[in-house]
C-alpha atoms as a PDB file:
ATOM      1  CA  UNK A   1     159.237 145.226  35.274  1.00  0.00           C
ATOM      2  CA  UNK A   2     160.257 146.508  38.833  1.00  0.00           C
ATOM      3  CA  UNK A   3     157.763 147.022  41.455  1.00  0.00           C
ATOM      4  CA  UNK A   4     158.016 150.983  41.219  1.00  0.00           C
ATOM      5  CA  UNK A   5     157.459 150.854  37.586  1.00  0.00           C
ATOM      6  CA  UNK A   6     154.329 148.752  37.859  1.00  0.00           C
ATOM      7  CA  UNK A   7     153.205 151.257  40.474  1.00  0.00           C
ATOM      8  CA  UNK A   8     153.951 154.130  38.264  1.00  0.00           C
ATOM      9  CA  UNK A   9     151.881 152.583  35.372  1.00  0.00           C
ATOM     10  CA  UNK A  10     149.036 151.821  37.674  1.00  0.00           C
ATOM     11  CA  UNK A  11     149.086 155.354  38.674  1.00  0.00           C
ATOM     12  CA  UNK A  12     149.159 156.832  35.153  1.00  0.00           C
ATOM     13  CA  UNK A  13     146.333 154.284  34.082  1.00  0.00           C
ATOM     14  CA  UNK A  14     144.274 155.298  37.236  1.00  0.00           C
ATOM     15  CA  UNK A  15     144.897 158.858  36.623  1.00  0.00           C
ATOM     16  CA  UNK A  16     143.602 158.702  32.830  1.00  0.00           C
ATOM     17  CA  UNK A  17     140.724 156.563  34.163  1.00  0.00           C
ATOM     18  CA  UNK A  18     139.462 159.021  36.540  1.00  0.00           C
ATOM     19  CA  UNK A  19     139.606 161.853  33.975  1.00  0.00           C
ATOM     20  CA  UNK A  20     137.846 159.569  31.337  1.00  0.00           C
ATOM     21  CA  UNK A  21     135.225 158.479  33.811  1.00  0.00           C
ATOM     22  CA  UNK A  22     134.408 162.111  35.046  1.00  0.00           C
ATOM     23  CA  UNK A  23     134.154 163.226  31.183  1.00  0.00           C
ATOM     24  CA  UNK A  24     131.784 160.063  30.531  1.00  0.00           C
ATOM     25  CA  UNK A  25     129.954 160.327  33.343  1.00  0.00           C
ATOM     26  CA  UNK A  26     128.864 164.119  32.919  1.00  0.00           C
ATOM     27  CA  UNK A  27     128.629 163.632  29.304  1.00  0.00           C
ATOM     28  CA  UNK A  28     124.810 162.803  29.757  1.00  0.00           C
ATOM     29  CA  UNK A  29     124.315 164.797  33.283  1.00  0.00           C
ATOM     30  CA  UNK A  30     121.534 167.243  33.048  1.00  0.00           C
ATOM     31  CA  UNK A  31     121.656 170.580  34.083  1.00  0.00           C
ATOM     32  CA  UNK A  32     120.755 171.863  37.628  1.00  0.00           C
ATOM     33  CA  UNK A  33     121.282 168.790  39.554  1.00  0.00           C
ATOM     34  CA  UNK A  34     118.856 166.317  37.497  1.00  0.00           C
ATOM     35  CA  UNK A  35     121.847 163.513  36.989  1.00  0.00           C
ATOM     36  CA  UNK A  36     119.590 160.248  37.251  1.00  0.00           C
ATOM     37  CA  UNK A  37     120.185 158.784  40.952  1.00  0.00           C
ATOM     38  CA  UNK A  38     121.675 162.255  42.301  1.00  0.00           C
ATOM     39  CA  UNK A  39     118.652 164.423  42.423  1.00  0.00           C
ATOM     40  CA  UNK A  40     116.693 162.802  45.306  1.00  0.00           C
ATOM     41  CA  UNK A  41     116.471 163.786  49.024  1.00  0.00           C
ATOM     42  CA  UNK A  42     117.836 167.549  50.006  1.00  0.00           C
ATOM     43  CA  UNK A  43     117.566 170.333  47.999  1.00  0.00           C
ATOM     44  CA  UNK A  44     120.776 172.064  46.788  1.00  0.00           C
ATOM     45  CA  UNK A  45     121.626 175.073  49.076  1.00  0.00           C
ATOM     46  CA  UNK A  46     123.269 178.289  48.192  1.00  0.00           C
ATOM     47  CA  UNK A  47     126.645 179.051  49.476  1.00  0.00           C
ATOM     48  CA  UNK A  48     126.602 180.943  53.039  1.00  0.00           C
ATOM     49  CA  UNK A  49     129.310 184.190  53.140  1.00  0.00           C
ATOM     50  CA  UNK A  50     132.367 183.040  55.670  1.00  0.00           C
ATOM     51  CA  UNK A  51     135.697 184.561  56.229  1.00  0.00           C
ATOM     52  CA  UNK A  52     138.970 182.950  55.695  1.00  0.00           C
ATOM     53  CA  UNK A  53     139.945 180.678  58.710  1.00  0.00           C
ATOM     54  CA  UNK A  54     142.726 181.514  61.214  1.00  0.00           C
ATOM     55  CA  UNK A  55     145.492 179.109  60.489  1.00  0.00           C
ATOM     56  CA  UNK A  56     148.751 177.998  62.014  1.00  0.00           C
ATOM     57  CA  UNK A  57     152.008 179.033  60.461  1.00  0.00           C
ATOM     58  CA  UNK A  58     152.562 176.004  58.386  1.00  0.00           C
ATOM     59  CA  UNK A  59     148.983 175.954  56.853  1.00  0.00           C
ATOM     60  CA  UNK A  60     149.400 179.920  56.247  1.00  0.00           C
ATOM     61  CA  UNK A  61     152.373 179.127  54.140  1.00  0.00           C
ATOM     62  CA  UNK A  62     150.512 176.643  52.109  1.00  0.00           C
ATOM     63  CA  UNK A  63     147.667 178.932  51.683  1.00  0.00           C
ATOM     64  CA  UNK A  64     149.674 181.643  50.338  1.00  0.00           C
ATOM     65  CA  UNK A  65     151.699 179.553  47.980  1.00  0.00           C
ATOM     66  CA  UNK A  66     148.399 178.367  46.350  1.00  0.00           C
ATOM     67  CA  UNK A  67     146.577 181.451  46.538  1.00  0.00           C
ATOM     68  CA  UNK A  68     147.396 182.079  42.903  1.00  0.00           C
ATOM     69  CA  UNK A  69     144.730 179.461  42.210  1.00  0.00           C
ATOM     70  CA  UNK A  70     141.859 181.849  43.115  1.00  0.00           C
ATOM     71  CA  UNK A  71     142.026 182.463  39.633  1.00  0.00           C
ATOM     72  CA  UNK A  72     140.836 178.945  37.949  1.00  0.00           C
ATOM     73  CA  UNK A  73     142.436 179.881  34.567  1.00  0.00           C
ATOM     74  CA  UNK A  74     145.815 180.034  36.396  1.00  0.00           C
ATOM     75  CA  UNK A  75     145.029 176.480  37.815  1.00  0.00           C
ATOM     76  CA  UNK A  76     144.032 175.126  34.377  1.00  0.00           C
ATOM     77  CA  UNK A  77     147.390 176.596  33.028  1.00  0.00           C
ATOM     78  CA  UNK A  78     149.182 174.699  35.855  1.00  0.00           C
ATOM     79  CA  UNK A  79     147.594 171.423  34.993  1.00  0.00           C
ATOM     80  CA  UNK A  80     144.477 171.245  36.864  1.00  0.00           C
ATOM     81  CA  UNK A  81     141.271 170.338  34.818  1.00  0.00           C
ATOM     82  CA  UNK A  82     137.653 170.695  36.090  1.00  0.00           C
ATOM     83  CA  UNK A  83     135.619 167.609  36.961  1.00  0.00           C
ATOM     84  CA  UNK A  84     132.619 169.879  36.315  1.00  0.00           C
ATOM     85  CA  UNK A  85     130.277 168.647  38.877  1.00  0.00           C
ATOM     86  CA  UNK A  86     129.451 170.529  42.058  1.00  0.00           C
ATOM     87  CA  UNK A  87     129.277 167.822  44.917  1.00  0.00           C
ATOM     88  CA  UNK A  88     126.951 167.964  47.511  1.00  0.00           C
ATOM     89  CA  UNK A  89     125.646 166.203  50.703  1.00  0.00           C
ATOM     90  CA  UNK A  90     122.950 166.554  53.016  1.00  0.00           C
ATOM     91  CA  UNK A  91     125.181 167.966  55.764  1.00  0.00           C
ATOM     92  CA  UNK A  92     127.227 170.489  53.449  1.00  0.00           C
ATOM     93  CA  UNK A  93     128.915 170.538  50.182  1.00  0.00           C
ATOM     94  CA  UNK A  94     132.480 170.082  48.789  1.00  0.00           C
ATOM     95  CA  UNK A  95     132.077 171.950  45.535  1.00  0.00           C
ATOM     96  CA  UNK A  96     133.532 171.855  41.945  1.00  0.00           C
ATOM     97  CA  UNK A  97     136.827 169.919  41.987  1.00  0.00           C
ATOM     98  CA  UNK A  98     139.813 170.633  39.841  1.00  0.00           C
ATOM     99  CA  UNK A  99     142.050 167.579  39.257  1.00  0.00           C
ATOM    100  CA  UNK A 100     145.936 167.452  38.797  1.00  0.00           C
ATOM    101  CA  UNK A 101     146.780 164.047  37.648  1.00  0.00           C
ATOM    102  CA  UNK A 102     150.681 165.030  37.693  1.00  0.00           C
ATOM    103  CA  UNK A 103     150.266 165.417  41.479  1.00  0.00           C
ATOM    104  CA  UNK A 104     149.063 161.867  42.296  1.00  0.00           C
ATOM    105  CA  UNK A 105     151.467 159.668  44.004  1.00  0.00           C
ATOM    106  CA  UNK A 106     152.078 157.877  47.348  1.00  0.00           C
ATOM    107  CA  UNK A 107     153.484 160.447  49.379  1.00  0.00           C
ATOM    108  CA  UNK A 108     151.407 163.557  49.739  1.00  0.00           C
ATOM    109  CA  UNK A 109     153.308 166.934  48.904  1.00  0.00           C
ATOM    110  CA  UNK A 110     151.795 169.971  51.158  1.00  0.00           C
ATOM    111  CA  UNK A 111     152.461 172.229  48.331  1.00  0.00           C
ATOM    112  CA  UNK A 112     151.088 170.060  45.585  1.00  0.00           C
ATOM    113  CA  UNK A 113     147.459 169.111  46.386  1.00  0.00           C
ATOM    114  CA  UNK A 114     145.936 166.690  43.664  1.00  0.00           C
ATOM    115  CA  UNK A 115     142.653 168.726  43.774  1.00  0.00           C
ATOM    116  CA  UNK A 116     141.497 172.249  44.170  1.00  0.00           C
ATOM    117  CA  UNK A 117     137.780 172.953  45.344  1.00  0.00           C
ATOM    118  CA  UNK A 118     135.730 175.929  44.172  1.00  0.00           C
ATOM    119  CA  UNK A 119     132.342 176.669  45.012  1.00  0.00           C
ATOM    120  CA  UNK A 120     129.783 178.479  42.771  1.00  0.00           C
ATOM    121  CA  UNK A 121     129.712 182.312  42.890  1.00  0.00           C
ATOM    122  CA  UNK A 122     128.221 185.097  41.322  1.00  0.00           C
ATOM    123  CA  UNK A 123     127.775 185.388  37.366  1.00  0.00           C
ATOM    124  CA  UNK A 124     128.849 181.967  36.881  1.00  0.00           C
ATOM    125  CA  UNK A 125     132.349 182.502  38.407  1.00  0.00           C
ATOM    126  CA  UNK A 126     134.185 180.058  40.643  1.00  0.00           C
ATOM    127  CA  UNK A 127     135.569 181.049  44.245  1.00  0.00           C
ATOM    128  CA  UNK A 128     138.402 178.884  45.665  1.00  0.00           C
ATOM    129  CA  UNK A 129     137.583 177.320  49.166  1.00  0.00           C
ATOM    130  CA  UNK A 130     139.681 174.192  49.751  1.00  0.00           C
ATOM    131  CA  UNK A 131     142.419 171.957  48.683  1.00  0.00           C
ATOM    132  CA  UNK A 132     142.352 168.195  48.659  1.00  0.00           C
ATOM    133  CA  UNK A 133     145.337 165.665  49.049  1.00  0.00           C
ATOM    134  CA  UNK A 134     144.367 162.521  47.295  1.00  0.00           C
ATOM    135  CA  UNK A 135     146.159 159.302  47.381  1.00  0.00           C
ATOM    136  CA  UNK A 136     144.808 156.204  45.526  1.00  0.00           C
ATOM    137  CA  UNK A 137     145.603 152.892  46.727  1.00  0.00           C
ATOM    138  CA  UNK A 138     146.964 152.111  43.105  1.00  0.00           C
ATOM    139  CA  UNK A 139     150.064 154.079  43.769  1.00  0.00           C
ATOM    140  CA  UNK A 140     151.094 151.090  46.299  1.00  0.00           C
ATOM    141  CA  UNK A 141     150.587 153.030  49.417  1.00  0.00           C
ATOM    142  CA  UNK A 142     150.215 150.351  52.315  1.00  0.00           C
ATOM    143  CA  UNK A 143     149.525 152.828  55.326  1.00  0.00           C
ATOM    144  CA  UNK A 144     147.291 155.812  55.807  1.00  0.00           C
ATOM    145  CA  UNK A 145     148.973 158.891  55.123  1.00  0.00           C
ATOM    146  CA  UNK A 146     149.172 161.840  57.300  1.00  0.00           C
ATOM    147  CA  UNK A 147     149.842 165.651  56.473  1.00  0.00           C
ATOM    148  CA  UNK A 148     149.600 168.643  58.556  1.00  0.00           C
ATOM    149  CA  UNK A 149     149.386 166.412  61.648  1.00  0.00           C
ATOM    150  CA  UNK A 150     146.204 165.073  60.260  1.00  0.00           C
ATOM    151  CA  UNK A 151     145.422 161.284  59.227  1.00  0.00           C
ATOM    152  CA  UNK A 152     143.680 161.089  55.961  1.00  0.00           C
ATOM    153  CA  UNK A 153     140.324 159.926  55.519  1.00  0.00           C
ATOM    154  CA  UNK A 154     139.904 156.441  54.049  1.00  0.00           C
ATOM    155  CA  UNK A 155     140.335 154.122  52.375  1.00  0.00           C
ATOM    156  CA  UNK A 156     137.298 154.668  50.540  1.00  0.00           C
ATOM    157  CA  UNK A 157     135.735 153.849  47.319  1.00  0.00           C
ATOM    158  CA  UNK A 158     135.462 156.100  44.406  1.00  0.00           C
ATOM    159  CA  UNK A 159     132.842 158.721  44.377  1.00  0.00           C
ATOM    160  CA  UNK A 160     130.202 158.128  41.885  1.00  0.00           C
ATOM    161  CA  UNK A 161     129.454 159.482  39.180  1.00  0.00           C
ATOM    162  CA  UNK A 162     132.631 161.648  39.075  1.00  0.00           C
ATOM    163  CA  UNK A 163     135.039 158.593  39.454  1.00  0.00           C
ATOM    164  CA  UNK A 164     134.681 154.997  39.271  1.00  0.00           C
ATOM    165  CA  UNK A 165     133.752 153.095  42.575  1.00  0.00           C
ATOM    166  CA  UNK A 166     136.632 150.807  42.173  1.00  0.00           C
ATOM    167  CA  UNK A 167     138.908 153.907  42.794  1.00  0.00           C
ATOM    168  CA  UNK A 168     139.765 153.198  46.260  1.00  0.00           C
ATOM    169  CA  UNK A 169     141.624 156.027  47.841  1.00  0.00           C
ATOM    170  CA  UNK A 170     142.603 158.179  50.870  1.00  0.00           C
ATOM    171  CA  UNK A 171     141.776 161.843  50.886  1.00  0.00           C
ATOM    172  CA  UNK A 172     142.173 164.805  53.044  1.00  0.00           C
ATOM    173  CA  UNK A 173     140.172 168.187  52.654  1.00  0.00           C
ATOM    174  CA  UNK A 174     141.444 171.451  54.061  1.00  0.00           C
ATOM    175  CA  UNK A 175     139.483 174.589  54.052  1.00  0.00           C
ATOM    176  CA  UNK A 176     142.158 176.899  53.574  1.00  0.00           C
ATOM    177  CA  UNK A 177     140.116 179.701  51.916  1.00  0.00           C
ATOM    178  CA  UNK A 178     136.572 179.558  53.746  1.00  0.00           C
ATOM    179  CA  UNK A 179     135.658 178.939  57.415  1.00  0.00           C
ATOM    180  CA  UNK A 180     134.164 175.641  57.980  1.00  0.00           C
ATOM    181  CA  UNK A 181     132.030 175.238  61.155  1.00  0.00           C
ATOM    182  CA  UNK A 182     132.504 171.641  60.702  1.00  0.00           C
ATOM    183  CA  UNK A 183     136.249 171.860  61.258  1.00  0.00           C
ATOM    184  CA  UNK A 184     139.439 172.770  58.991  1.00  0.00           C
ATOM    185  CA  UNK A 185     139.918 169.014  57.851  1.00  0.00           C
ATOM    186  CA  UNK A 186     135.923 168.246  57.483  1.00  0.00           C
ATOM    187  CA  UNK A 187     134.954 166.295  54.246  1.00  0.00           C
ATOM    188  CA  UNK A 188     132.079 168.954  53.677  1.00  0.00           C
ATOM    189  CA  UNK A 189     131.408 172.549  54.534  1.00  0.00           C
ATOM    190  CA  UNK A 190     128.059 173.559  55.705  1.00  0.00           C
ATOM    191  CA  UNK A 191     128.835 177.316  54.240  1.00  0.00           C
ATOM    192  CA  UNK A 192     129.468 175.856  50.710  1.00  0.00           C
ATOM    193  CA  UNK A 193     126.216 175.101  48.635  1.00  0.00           C
ATOM    194  CA  UNK A 194     125.884 173.914  44.878  1.00  0.00           C
ATOM    195  CA  UNK A 195     122.474 175.817  44.087  1.00  0.00           C
ATOM    196  CA  UNK A 196     122.436 177.231  40.693  1.00  0.00           C
ATOM    197  CA  UNK A 197     125.563 175.286  39.492  1.00  0.00           C
ATOM    198  CA  UNK A 198     124.421 173.467  36.050  1.00  0.00           C
ATOM    199  CA  UNK A 199     126.059 170.284  37.100  1.00  0.00           C
ATOM    200  CA  UNK A 200     125.102 170.037  40.680  1.00  0.00           C
ATOM    201  CA  UNK A 201     125.200 166.662  42.207  1.00  0.00           C
ATOM    202  CA  UNK A 202     123.651 165.674  45.623  1.00  0.00           C
ATOM    203  CA  UNK A 203     125.635 162.698  46.660  1.00  0.00           C
ATOM    204  CA  UNK A 204     125.512 159.946  49.423  1.00  0.00           C
ATOM    205  CA  UNK A 205     128.373 158.896  51.878  1.00  0.00           C
ATOM    206  CA  UNK A 206     130.974 156.872  50.237  1.00  0.00           C
ATOM    207  CA  UNK A 207     131.554 153.071  51.300  1.00  0.00           C
ATOM    208  CA  UNK A 208     134.801 152.678  53.558  1.00  0.00           C
ATOM    209  CA  UNK A 209     136.385 149.240  52.279  1.00  0.00           C
ATOM    210  CA  UNK A 210     139.134 147.615  54.022  1.00  0.00           C
ATOM    211  CA  UNK A 211     140.928 148.733  57.215  1.00  0.00           C
ATOM    212  CA  UNK A 212     139.757 151.813  59.140  1.00  0.00           C
ATOM    213  CA  UNK A 213     141.483 153.334  61.932  1.00  0.00           C
END
């Protein structure tokens, strides 16, 4: 078997494992942030209204190309699947991630993010706030990826409970649809909150194994 074929198989196994881990981890999750081990510390905050950020032309093009995913049903039809949990940290939240395993690979495509990120909105709806480019080390990547002139964060361990700790990866969040006072490429957004979401998860920072630049 060639090195490329082995990497492709590893990537498929990783994608399947990520989806399975999300389903198993959340199968026993209690509503309203009551997941064991993830309901301590700061209380979940509600989202704060904020406008779309002003973007450079290259990111404006990406935002408009992905704007159709403001409707999460369109995202699902295009292969994105909800990981259900709304992820928050003490300094801000990420939100609800929708994963498209078909977009996983060693070279990030600006128009094919692996994850879309939504915040809880009124009447149980979801509002698109960010896209995330995600590159697992299992793809065979050997150097830190860069996109939009921005180096990715990582490598880091997987974010429990929504993915296995062993899933080491690089990632890059871009807050295309909601202004982020922490920065366009910050990991979390203080304007985003998970209060009221039935599967709100208060997380802690993830370990950063391996090299860091």
